[in-house]
Amino acid sequence: MKVMKIRESAETYLETILILSYKNPVVRSIDIANELEYSKPSVSVAMKNLRENGYVRMDTDMYITLTDKGQFIAEKMYERHVFISNWLMSLGVDRAVAVKDACRMEHIISDETFEAMKNSTHLGTLVSIL
């Protein structure tokens, strides 16, 4: 699926919704605010923008789900996050530092570079935990 490039903050919100959906039966704005340590008004504005742009749906109970377009981006960011975190830890980087650095790197690395990293025989096993 080809999706237009979106802002890093939107990618972070989408990835967070995906992760929360793995942990909880439903995802609400307050869950996102708590997870990201953002204010409720900031999350509310972001959810409105994501909804208007077709990345999320919100039902009458205010539960948030990803659309196909949102799911695609969220899974892409999550795959990168897990892979890059594991790669950095395999190099000896402390887990907390690796996770924090992966959060930044996942948004800026090109598709070409990420695919090359995944296809590397040395790094190929790192993505297998997904």
Protein backbone atom coordinates (compact mmCIF):
# COMPACT_ATOMS: atom_id res chain seq x y z
CA MET A 1 0.00 0.00 0.00
CA LYS A 2 1.41 3.39 -0.99
CA VAL A 3 0.61 6.06 1.61
CA MET A 4 1.50 9.74 1.53
CA LYS A 5 4.26 10.76 3.96
CA ILE A 6 2.81 12.17 7.16
CA ARG A 7 4.32 14.08 10.04
CA GLU A 8 6.44 12.32 12.63
CA SER A 9 3.95 13.21 15.37
CA ALA A 10 1.12 11.54 13.44
CA GLU A 11 3.27 8.43 12.95
CA THR A 12 3.92 8.37 16.70
CA TYR A 13 0.21 8.62 17.51
CA LEU A 14 -0.64 5.83 15.06
CA GLU A 15 2.09 3.56 16.40
CA THR A 16 0.93 4.25 19.96
CA ILE A 17 -2.66 3.35 19.07
CA LEU A 18 -1.40 0.07 17.57
CA ILE A 19 0.67 -0.78 20.65
CA LEU A 20 -2.19 0.09 23.00
CA SER A 21 -4.56 -2.08 20.94
CA TYR A 22 -2.24 -5.04 21.59
CA LYS A 23 -2.46 -4.42 25.35
CA ASN A 24 -6.08 -3.33 25.82
CA PRO A 25 -9.45 -4.38 24.40
CA VAL A 26 -10.21 -0.71 23.52
CA VAL A 27 -8.17 2.45 23.00
CA ARG A 28 -9.35 5.85 24.19
CA SER A 29 -7.79 9.31 23.96
CA ILE A 30 -6.96 9.23 27.67
CA ASP A 31 -4.97 6.00 27.14
CA ILE A 32 -2.93 7.71 24.42
CA ALA A 33 -2.38 10.79 26.59
CA ASN A 34 -1.18 8.63 29.48
CA GLU A 35 1.08 6.49 27.28
CA LEU A 36 2.75 9.44 25.57
CA GLU A 37 2.56 11.74 28.60
CA TYR A 38 0.80 14.38 26.48
CA SER A 39 -2.04 16.62 27.58
CA LYS A 40 -5.61 15.46 26.90
CA PRO A 41 -6.34 18.57 24.77
CA SER A 42 -3.27 17.89 22.58
CA VAL A 43 -4.36 14.30 22.02
CA SER A 44 -7.91 15.43 21.27
CA VAL A 45 -6.68 17.80 18.53
CA ALA A 46 -4.42 15.10 17.09
CA MET A 47 -7.24 12.52 17.03
CA LYS A 48 -9.50 15.01 15.24
CA ASN A 49 -6.81 15.59 12.60
CA LEU A 50 -6.11 11.88 12.20
CA ARG A 51 -9.84 11.16 11.91
CA GLU A 52 -10.38 13.93 9.32
CA ASN A 53 -7.46 12.59 7.27
CA GLY A 54 -8.74 9.02 7.32
CA TYR A 55 -6.18 7.40 9.61
CA VAL A 56 -8.44 6.57 12.57
CA ARG A 57 -12.11 6.02 13.36
CA MET A 58 -13.85 6.92 16.59
CA ASP A 59 -17.09 5.17 17.50
CA THR A 60 -19.98 6.50 19.61
CA ASP A 61 -18.25 5.25 22.80
CA MET A 62 -15.16 7.30 21.78
CA TYR A 63 -13.10 4.15 21.17
CA ILE A 64 -10.35 4.70 18.62
CA THR A 65 -9.45 2.22 15.89
CA LEU A 66 -7.03 2.46 13.00
CA THR A 67 -8.28 2.53 9.42
CA ASP A 68 -6.42 0.40 6.87
CA LYS A 69 -4.33 3.45 5.98
CA GLY A 70 -3.56 4.15 9.64
CA GLN A 71 -2.83 0.48 10.36
CA PHE A 72 -0.33 0.34 7.48
CA ILE A 73 1.65 3.30 8.82
CA ALA A 74 1.44 2.11 12.45
CA GLU A 75 2.74 -1.35 11.57
CA LYS A 76 5.54 0.14 9.48
CA MET A 77 6.66 2.36 12.37
CA TYR A 78 6.35 -0.46 14.91
CA GLU A 79 8.41 -2.84 12.76
CA ARG A 80 11.12 -0.21 12.43
CA HIS A 81 11.01 0.58 16.14
CA VAL A 82 11.41 -3.05 17.20
CA PHE A 83 14.06 -3.83 14.61
CA ILE A 84 16.18 -0.74 15.26
CA SER A 85 15.90 -1.15 19.05
CA ASN A 86 17.06 -4.76 18.80
CA TRP A 87 19.83 -3.86 16.38
CA LEU A 88 21.17 -1.16 18.70
CA MET A 89 21.00 -3.50 21.70
CA SER A 90 22.89 -6.16 19.68
CA LEU A 91 25.66 -3.57 19.31
CA GLY A 92 25.81 -3.19 23.10
CA VAL A 93 23.64 -0.10 23.50
CA ASP A 94 21.72 0.02 26.79
CA ARG A 95 18.06 -0.98 26.33
CA ALA A 96 16.63 2.38 27.48
CA VAL A 97 18.96 4.32 25.18
CA ALA A 98 18.31 1.95 22.26
CA VAL A 99 14.54 2.31 22.58
CA LYS A 100 14.76 6.09 22.85
CA ASP A 101 17.09 6.37 19.85
CA ALA A 102 14.94 3.96 17.80
CA CYS A 103 11.95 6.25 18.43
CA ARG A 104 13.74 9.01 16.58
CA MET A 105 15.46 6.91 13.92
CA GLU A 106 12.33 5.05 12.82
CA HIS A 107 10.85 8.26 11.39
CA ILE A 108 13.80 9.46 9.35
CA ILE A 109 15.33 6.33 7.86
CA SER A 110 14.46 5.73 4.20
CA ASP A 111 12.53 2.67 3.06
CA GLU A 112 15.55 1.66 0.96
CA THR A 113 17.94 1.76 3.91
CA PHE A 114 15.55 -0.05 6.22
CA GLU A 115 14.97 -2.83 3.67
CA ALA A 116 18.74 -3.19 3.23
CA MET A 117 19.14 -3.47 7.01
CA LYS A 118 16.42 -6.13 7.21
CA ASN A 119 17.93 -8.09 4.33
CA SER A 120 21.40 -8.11 5.83
CA THR A 121 22.27 -11.64 6.91
CA HIS A 122 23.72 -10.32 10.18
CA LEU A 123 20.61 -8.30 11.02
CA GLY A 124 17.96 -10.54 9.48
CA THR A 125 17.27 -12.46 12.68
CA LEU A 126 16.48 -9.29 14.61
CA VAL A 127 13.17 -8.71 12.85
CA SER A 128 12.02 -12.26 13.46
CA ILE A 129 10.61 -11.43 16.90
CA LEU A 130 7.81 -9.32 15.37
